[in-house]
């Protein structure tokens, strides 16, 4: 019998051999990559890959004083009313029992969130300490556990105000500088790529990390207008791209981040004036979020932006004033400012065609220096944060960037 597929010829053993070798090589590459990142496949491991989700599930199936607890996804106002109905001791007991839930709950009292996150950080530190001595992990994995343990200890230090904390994956966090409960103006710093718990703060080049950015901005705002009731949130509470790969070139992570950013802002009092200070990929997040933000967001300022997923400020669909700046030595100016098939983030925000108010970034020295003390970029961020808009330093190409605000 002749085969109806005889034209295809006999199976090629060489092809199969080549395919097999490719598969083996692929497996080797994957294994090496996983080993280098400290991965280990330990059957029966009791480590919880998503402790926040586990804690929320426990909360949603629990009762307190004979009553069901509110849905964790409830509106901030609903959750705020629930906590107002509790006595201080009962609220504290809930924070102690469900620290990850309460610590990440928009609508929960700010001080209670700080308290809950200290407990959550303590628990995460204990897990990391055990992993440091777990011989089932690679040396790299144990070393990473040690770094995280020290990071958690640092974040629990006296005086620190951790507004959000999630240890899953690379981890997410947010920290407050100033008195958020009394603030009339709140600045939210939205950082860019490679933002996670491991890079949340740095000793060297401190102002290139979210904590250093937030603290530097808060100090600059107090200098710009002494006595102003301001607070700054260093917001690393979204999953940022790792490195300059496909994740950084597309908007998928920005879309998810925009949802979280919108939730953060909506959990703040409506009477508070909010400014977003968005750096690098953080400006993509802010651009995606722009049309959904509440009316108390008055200003969106971007620095070192690869684009905001829009071609003009009008296309952002926001009522907020949009400001942009870029240092002359920032390598980001060399990226293609376009969007094709989902790749790229659209027009350059510092061009006149985009329509933003263009600020001076003198002194920033590259892509990571916008929050460094003594720079025009930091001063401009601070002036926007305190509402002194007519005092900003405009760029040479847009000398009247604030003239209509006088």
Protein backbone atom coordinates (compact mmCIF):
# COMPACT_ATOMS: atom_id res chain seq x y z
CA UNK A 1 0.00 0.00 0.00
CA UNK A 2 1.30 3.37 -0.89
CA UNK A 3 0.83 6.22 1.51
CA UNK A 4 -1.21 9.21 0.45
CA UNK A 5 1.54 11.24 2.12
CA UNK A 6 4.39 9.72 0.15
CA UNK A 7 5.35 13.09 -1.18
CA UNK A 8 6.55 14.06 2.25
CA UNK A 9 9.22 11.39 2.15
CA UNK A 10 10.43 9.17 4.96
CA UNK A 11 10.80 10.57 8.48
CA UNK A 12 14.16 12.23 8.97
CA UNK A 13 16.14 10.72 11.83
CA UNK A 14 18.48 13.72 11.63
CA UNK A 15 15.56 16.07 12.19
CA UNK A 16 14.42 14.08 15.24
CA UNK A 17 17.93 14.03 16.59
CA UNK A 18 18.24 17.78 16.11
CA UNK A 19 14.89 18.36 17.81
CA UNK A 20 15.85 16.13 20.72
CA UNK A 21 19.11 17.94 21.21
CA UNK A 22 17.33 21.27 21.13
CA UNK A 23 14.93 20.07 23.81
CA UNK A 24 17.81 18.85 25.97
CA UNK A 25 19.68 22.12 25.55
CA UNK A 26 16.53 24.09 26.38
CA UNK A 27 16.08 22.08 29.57
CA UNK A 28 19.69 22.66 30.53
CA UNK A 29 19.34 26.41 29.99
CA UNK A 30 16.14 26.52 32.05
CA UNK A 31 17.75 24.50 34.84
CA UNK A 32 20.79 26.76 34.95
CA UNK A 33 18.62 29.89 35.03
CA UNK A 34 16.49 28.52 37.83
CA UNK A 35 19.54 27.43 39.81
CA UNK A 36 21.14 30.85 39.44
CA UNK A 37 18.02 32.55 40.83
CA UNK A 38 17.91 30.30 43.86
CA UNK A 39 14.92 28.22 42.71
CA UNK A 40 14.36 24.84 44.26
CA UNK A 41 11.66 22.26 43.69
CA UNK A 42 11.10 20.72 47.10
CA UNK A 43 8.18 18.37 47.33
CA UNK A 44 6.09 18.95 50.39
CA UNK A 45 7.45 22.48 50.93
CA UNK A 46 5.15 24.38 53.24
CA UNK A 47 6.15 27.83 52.00
CA UNK A 48 3.09 29.83 50.98
CA UNK A 49 3.60 31.30 47.52
CA UNK A 50 0.87 33.92 48.07
CA UNK A 51 0.41 34.62 51.79
CA UNK A 52 -1.76 37.70 51.17
CA UNK A 53 -4.28 35.69 49.15
CA UNK A 54 -4.27 32.99 51.83
CA UNK A 55 -4.84 35.57 54.55
CA UNK A 56 -7.69 37.19 52.62
CA UNK A 57 -9.35 33.81 52.15
CA UNK A 58 -9.14 33.19 55.91
CA UNK A 59 -10.60 36.65 56.61
CA UNK A 60 -13.51 36.12 54.23
CA UNK A 61 -14.44 32.83 55.91
CA UNK A 62 -14.13 34.16 59.46
CA UNK A 63 -16.41 35.99 61.85
CA UNK A 64 -15.59 38.44 64.62
CA UNK A 65 -17.70 38.97 67.73
CA UNK A 66 -20.38 36.85 66.09
CA UNK A 67 -20.51 38.87 62.84
CA UNK A 68 -19.11 38.24 59.39
CA UNK A 69 -16.18 40.41 58.42
CA UNK A 70 -16.66 42.76 55.44
CA UNK A 71 -15.50 41.74 51.99
CA UNK A 72 -11.88 42.77 51.48
CA UNK A 73 -12.83 44.20 48.08
CA UNK A 74 -15.43 46.57 49.56
CA UNK A 75 -15.24 50.29 48.85
CA UNK A 76 -12.86 52.24 51.13
CA UNK A 77 -15.80 54.10 52.67
CA UNK A 78 -17.49 50.83 53.63
CA UNK A 79 -14.31 49.50 55.22
CA UNK A 80 -13.68 52.80 57.01
CA UNK A 81 -17.20 52.65 58.49
CA UNK A 82 -16.57 49.08 59.65
CA UNK A 83 -13.41 50.05 61.51
CA UNK A 84 -15.13 53.09 63.05
CA UNK A 85 -17.69 50.70 64.50
CA UNK A 86 -14.97 48.83 66.38
CA UNK A 87 -13.31 49.76 69.63
CA UNK A 88 -9.56 50.31 69.61
CA UNK A 89 -8.88 46.92 71.23
CA UNK A 90 -11.03 45.04 68.70
CA UNK A 91 -9.41 46.82 65.73
CA UNK A 92 -5.98 46.04 67.12
CA UNK A 93 -6.96 42.39 67.61
CA UNK A 94 -7.99 42.12 63.96
CA UNK A 95 -4.73 43.71 62.82
CA UNK A 96 -2.81 41.22 64.95
CA UNK A 97 -4.80 38.24 63.66
CA UNK A 98 -4.84 39.28 59.98
CA UNK A 99 -1.85 41.61 59.58
CA UNK A 100 -1.45 41.21 55.80
CA UNK A 101 -5.15 41.83 55.20
CA UNK A 102 -5.49 44.91 57.40
CA UNK A 103 -2.09 46.25 56.34
CA UNK A 104 -3.17 46.33 52.68
CA UNK A 105 -6.76 47.44 53.20
CA UNK A 106 -7.80 50.76 51.70
CA UNK A 107 -10.22 52.32 54.18
CA UNK A 108 -8.56 50.90 57.29
CA UNK A 109 -7.17 53.59 59.60
CA UNK A 110 -3.65 54.58 58.58
CA UNK A 111 -2.14 53.98 62.02
CA UNK A 112 -3.73 50.53 62.14
CA UNK A 113 -2.22 49.69 58.75
CA UNK A 114 1.22 50.70 60.02
CA UNK A 115 0.72 48.47 63.06
CA UNK A 116 -0.49 45.54 60.97
CA UNK A 117 2.38 45.78 58.53
CA UNK A 118 4.94 45.72 61.33
CA UNK A 119 3.47 42.39 62.39
CA UNK A 120 3.37 41.15 58.79
CA UNK A 121 7.01 42.14 58.30
CA UNK A 122 7.95 40.30 61.47
CA UNK A 123 6.25 37.14 60.23
CA UNK A 124 7.85 37.44 56.79
CA UNK A 125 11.22 37.94 58.45
CA UNK A 126 10.80 34.72 60.39
CA UNK A 127 10.06 32.84 57.17
CA UNK A 128 13.13 34.37 55.51
CA UNK A 129 15.31 33.46 58.51
CA UNK A 130 14.28 29.80 58.22
CA UNK A 131 15.02 29.82 54.50
CA UNK A 132 18.50 31.15 55.20
CA UNK A 133 19.31 27.81 56.82
CA UNK A 134 17.29 25.58 54.48
CA UNK A 135 19.80 23.27 52.79
CA UNK A 136 17.22 22.34 50.18
CA UNK A 137 17.79 25.79 48.68
CA UNK A 138 20.77 26.69 46.55
CA UNK A 139 23.44 28.98 48.08
CA UNK A 140 22.02 31.80 45.97
CA UNK A 141 18.53 31.10 47.33
CA UNK A 142 19.78 31.16 50.93
CA UNK A 143 21.70 34.36 50.28
CA UNK A 144 18.59 36.01 48.83
CA UNK A 145 16.60 34.92 51.89
CA UNK A 146 19.20 36.62 54.07
CA UNK A 147 18.93 39.85 52.12
CA UNK A 148 15.15 39.81 52.45
CA UNK A 149 15.33 39.13 56.17
CA UNK A 150 17.52 42.21 56.67
CA UNK A 151 15.21 44.25 54.42
CA UNK A 152 12.18 43.27 56.52
CA UNK A 153 14.04 44.17 59.71
CA UNK A 154 14.90 47.57 58.26
CA UNK A 155 11.29 48.20 57.25
CA UNK A 156 10.15 47.39 60.81
CA UNK A 157 12.45 49.99 62.36
CA UNK A 158 10.97 52.55 64.73
CA UNK A 159 9.41 55.53 62.99
CA UNK A 160 8.87 53.85 59.63
CA UNK A 161 5.32 53.97 58.28
CA UNK A 162 4.66 51.05 55.96
CA UNK A 163 1.31 51.56 54.26
CA UNK A 164 1.33 48.38 52.17
CA UNK A 165 3.35 45.16 52.17
CA UNK A 166 3.06 41.97 50.13
CA UNK A 167 5.95 39.44 50.24
CA UNK A 168 4.75 37.30 47.31
CA UNK A 169 7.05 37.01 44.31
CA UNK A 170 9.43 39.95 44.12
CA UNK A 171 7.23 41.71 46.65
CA UNK A 172 5.45 45.06 46.84
CA UNK A 173 5.40 47.84 49.41
CA UNK A 174 4.52 51.47 50.06
CA UNK A 175 5.89 53.82 52.71
CA UNK A 176 4.62 57.15 54.00
CA UNK A 177 6.72 60.19 54.88
CA UNK A 178 4.92 62.79 56.97
CA UNK A 179 1.57 62.67 58.71
CA UNK A 180 -0.85 61.15 56.20
CA UNK A 181 -3.81 61.54 58.57
CA UNK A 182 -3.42 65.30 58.82
CA UNK A 183 -2.06 66.02 55.35
CA UNK A 184 -3.90 68.38 53.02
CA UNK A 185 -1.60 67.61 50.11
CA UNK A 186 -0.28 64.16 49.23
CA UNK A 187 2.41 63.37 46.67
CA UNK A 188 2.63 59.81 45.34
CA UNK A 189 5.97 58.71 43.91
CA UNK A 190 5.50 56.03 41.22
CA UNK A 191 8.85 54.36 40.36
CA UNK A 192 9.82 52.36 37.28
CA UNK A 193 11.46 49.08 36.26
CA UNK A 194 13.16 46.69 38.67
CA UNK A 195 11.06 47.87 41.59
CA UNK A 196 10.52 45.19 44.21
CA UNK A 197 11.27 44.53 47.88
CA UNK A 198 14.93 43.93 47.10
CA UNK A 199 15.28 47.38 45.50
CA UNK A 200 12.78 49.23 47.69
CA UNK A 201 15.64 51.09 49.37
CA UNK A 202 19.36 51.51 48.77
CA UNK A 203 22.29 52.78 50.80
CA UNK A 204 24.38 53.83 47.81
CA UNK A 205 22.55 56.15 45.39
CA UNK A 206 19.66 56.19 47.83
CA UNK A 207 17.49 58.55 45.77
CA UNK A 208 17.39 56.10 42.86
CA UNK A 209 15.19 53.77 44.98
CA UNK A 210 11.56 54.39 46.03
CA UNK A 211 12.30 55.01 49.73
CA UNK A 212 15.06 57.49 48.93
CA UNK A 213 12.86 59.19 46.33
CA UNK A 214 10.02 59.60 48.81
CA UNK A 215 12.15 60.87 51.67
CA UNK A 216 14.04 63.29 49.41
CA UNK A 217 10.79 64.68 48.03
CA UNK A 218 9.26 65.07 51.48
CA UNK A 219 12.31 66.97 52.73
CA UNK A 220 12.22 69.18 49.63
CA UNK A 221 8.52 69.92 50.12
CA UNK A 222 9.12 71.00 53.71
CA UNK A 223 11.91 73.27 52.51
CA UNK A 224 9.75 74.69 49.73
CA UNK A 225 6.90 75.59 52.07
CA UNK A 226 7.64 75.24 55.77
CA UNK A 227 4.63 74.23 57.81
CA UNK A 228 2.72 72.91 54.82
CA UNK A 229 0.62 69.88 55.75
CA UNK A 230 2.04 67.51 53.18
CA UNK A 231 2.82 63.82 53.05
CA UNK A 232 4.62 61.69 50.47
CA UNK A 233 3.88 58.06 49.62
CA UNK A 234 6.73 56.06 48.10
CA UNK A 235 4.49 53.71 46.16
CA UNK A 236 6.18 50.50 45.03
CA UNK A 237 2.91 48.60 45.38
CA UNK A 238 2.63 47.29 41.83
CA UNK A 239 4.46 44.60 39.87
CA UNK A 240 7.05 46.46 37.80
CA UNK A 241 8.92 45.04 34.80
CA UNK A 242 12.19 43.28 35.55
CA UNK A 243 14.86 44.89 33.41
CA UNK A 244 14.45 46.37 29.95
CA UNK A 245 12.81 43.40 28.25
CA UNK A 246 9.40 42.86 26.72
CA UNK A 247 7.65 43.69 30.01
CA UNK A 248 9.14 47.19 29.96
CA UNK A 249 8.25 47.69 26.30
CA UNK A 250 4.56 46.79 26.67
CA UNK A 251 1.68 48.13 28.72
CA UNK A 252 0.40 44.93 30.36
CA UNK A 253 2.07 45.52 33.74
CA UNK A 254 1.17 49.21 33.53
CA UNK A 255 -2.51 48.30 33.12
CA UNK A 256 -2.43 46.19 36.29
CA UNK A 257 -0.42 48.85 38.09
CA UNK A 258 -2.89 51.55 37.07
CA UNK A 259 -5.73 49.65 38.74
CA UNK A 260 -3.74 49.51 41.97
CA UNK A 261 -2.71 53.17 41.73
CA UNK A 262 -6.31 54.22 41.22
CA UNK A 263 -7.34 52.18 44.28
CA UNK A 264 -4.66 53.86 46.39
CA UNK A 265 -5.76 57.35 45.42
CA UNK A 266 -9.45 56.59 45.92
CA UNK A 267 -8.70 55.36 49.45
CA UNK A 268 -7.36 58.84 50.34
CA UNK A 269 -9.82 61.45 51.65
CA UNK A 270 -11.59 63.36 48.86
CA UNK A 271 -10.57 66.63 50.52
CA UNK A 272 -6.86 65.87 49.97
CA UNK A 273 -5.13 67.36 46.93
CA UNK A 274 -3.07 64.63 45.23
CA UNK A 275 -0.07 64.92 42.91
CA UNK A 276 1.52 61.98 41.08
CA UNK A 277 5.30 62.05 40.58
CA UNK A 278 6.04 59.37 38.01
CA UNK A 279 9.51 58.20 37.00
CA UNK A 280 10.47 56.11 33.96
CA UNK A 281 8.05 53.16 33.53
CA UNK A 282 6.08 54.67 36.41
CA UNK A 283 5.00 57.35 33.93
CA UNK A 284 3.48 54.60 31.78
CA UNK A 285 1.47 53.48 34.81
CA UNK A 286 0.37 57.07 35.46
CA UNK A 287 -0.55 57.55 31.81
CA UNK A 288 -2.75 54.45 31.77
CA UNK A 289 -4.36 55.44 35.08
CA UNK A 290 -4.91 59.09 34.09
CA UNK A 291 -8.45 58.83 32.73
CA UNK A 292 -9.73 56.90 35.75
CA UNK A 293 -8.30 59.05 38.52
CA UNK A 294 -10.61 60.94 40.88
CA UNK A 295 -11.00 64.72 40.64
CA UNK A 296 -8.71 65.46 43.60
CA UNK A 297 -5.67 64.43 41.52
CA UNK A 298 -4.62 67.86 40.32
CA UNK A 299 -1.18 67.21 38.85
CA UNK A 300 0.69 64.42 37.08
CA UNK A 301 4.43 65.08 36.72
CA UNK A 302 6.63 62.67 34.77
CA UNK A 303 10.42 62.45 34.57
CA UNK A 304 12.54 60.30 32.27
CA UNK A 305 9.43 58.98 30.58
CA UNK A 306 9.45 56.40 27.76
CA UNK A 307 5.90 57.56 26.93
CA UNK A 308 2.49 57.56 28.60
CA UNK A 309 0.54 55.29 26.19
CA UNK A 310 -0.91 58.37 24.51
CA UNK A 311 0.09 60.78 21.74
CA UNK A 312 -1.15 63.97 23.44
CA UNK A 313 -2.22 65.15 26.87
CA UNK A 314 -5.77 65.37 25.55
CA UNK A 315 -5.64 61.67 24.68
CA UNK A 316 -4.82 60.88 28.32
CA UNK A 317 -8.39 61.88 29.17
CA UNK A 318 -7.46 63.57 32.42
CA UNK A 319 -8.53 66.78 34.10
CA UNK A 320 -5.14 66.97 35.87
CA UNK A 321 -2.33 69.28 34.77
CA UNK A 322 0.40 67.24 33.06
CA UNK A 323 4.06 68.18 33.57
CA UNK A 324 7.10 66.55 31.96
CA UNK A 325 10.87 66.81 32.31
CA UNK A 326 13.96 65.04 31.08
CA UNK A 327 17.63 65.56 31.81
CA UNK A 328 19.84 66.21 28.79
CA UNK A 329 21.98 63.16 29.63
CA UNK A 330 19.09 60.74 30.18
CA UNK A 331 19.47 57.70 27.89
CA UNK A 332 15.67 57.33 27.75
CA UNK A 333 15.63 59.99 25.01
CA UNK A 334 17.07 57.38 22.65
CA UNK A 335 14.14 54.95 22.89
CA UNK A 336 11.70 54.89 19.94
CA UNK A 337 8.78 57.11 20.96
CA UNK A 338 6.01 55.22 19.21
CA UNK A 339 3.60 52.34 19.74
CA UNK A 340 3.33 49.53 17.20
CA UNK A 341 1.44 46.34 17.86
CA UNK A 342 1.51 46.91 21.60
CA UNK A 343 5.25 47.59 21.72
CA UNK A 344 6.34 51.06 22.81
CA UNK A 345 4.52 53.68 24.83
CA UNK A 346 3.63 56.44 22.40
CA UNK A 347 4.78 60.02 21.97
CA UNK A 348 7.59 61.77 23.82
CA UNK A 349 6.00 63.75 26.69
CA UNK A 350 8.57 66.59 26.52
CA UNK A 351 7.79 67.50 22.90
CA UNK A 352 5.58 70.49 22.21
CA UNK A 353 3.22 68.31 20.18
CA UNK A 354 2.40 66.23 23.25
CA UNK A 355 1.14 69.30 25.10
CA UNK A 356 2.59 68.84 28.59
CA UNK A 357 4.06 71.71 30.59
CA UNK A 358 7.80 71.12 30.23
CA UNK A 359 9.97 71.66 33.31
CA UNK A 360 13.69 72.01 33.84
CA UNK A 361 15.52 68.91 35.08
CA UNK A 362 18.88 70.62 35.42
CA UNK A 363 21.32 68.72 37.62
CA UNK A 364 19.56 65.37 37.43
CA UNK A 365 22.55 63.75 35.67
CA UNK A 366 21.07 60.87 33.77
CA UNK A 367 18.07 58.61 34.22
CA UNK A 368 18.21 57.93 37.96
CA UNK A 369 19.02 61.37 39.34
CA UNK A 370 15.68 63.21 39.28
CA UNK A 371 15.13 63.02 43.06
CA UNK A 372 18.70 63.93 44.05
CA UNK A 373 18.95 66.93 46.44
CA UNK A 374 20.00 70.16 44.78
CA UNK A 375 18.51 69.35 41.37
CA UNK A 376 15.95 71.48 39.58
CA UNK A 377 13.95 68.33 38.95
CA UNK A 378 13.51 67.65 42.69
CA UNK A 379 12.71 71.32 43.34
CA UNK A 380 10.04 71.24 40.63
CA UNK A 381 8.51 68.05 42.02
CA UNK A 382 8.41 69.66 45.47
CA UNK A 383 6.84 72.91 44.26
CA UNK A 384 4.12 70.99 42.47
CA UNK A 385 3.59 68.88 45.60
CA UNK A 386 2.98 71.91 47.81
CA UNK A 387 0.91 73.73 45.20
CA UNK A 388 3.41 76.50 44.41
CA UNK A 389 2.88 76.06 40.69
CA UNK A 390 3.87 79.55 39.59
CA UNK A 391 7.32 79.12 41.15
CA UNK A 392 8.42 76.11 39.09
CA UNK A 393 11.45 76.29 36.82
CA UNK A 394 10.32 75.88 33.23
CA UNK A 395 12.56 74.39 30.56
CA UNK A 396 14.21 76.57 27.96
CA UNK A 397 11.80 75.21 25.32
CA UNK A 398 8.70 76.09 27.37
CA UNK A 399 9.57 79.20 29.34
CA UNK A 400 5.92 80.03 30.02
CA UNK A 401 4.93 76.57 31.29
CA UNK A 402 3.11 78.01 34.31
CA UNK A 403 2.17 81.48 33.09
CA UNK A 404 -1.54 80.73 32.87
CA UNK A 405 -1.61 79.55 36.50
CA UNK A 406 -0.71 82.92 38.04
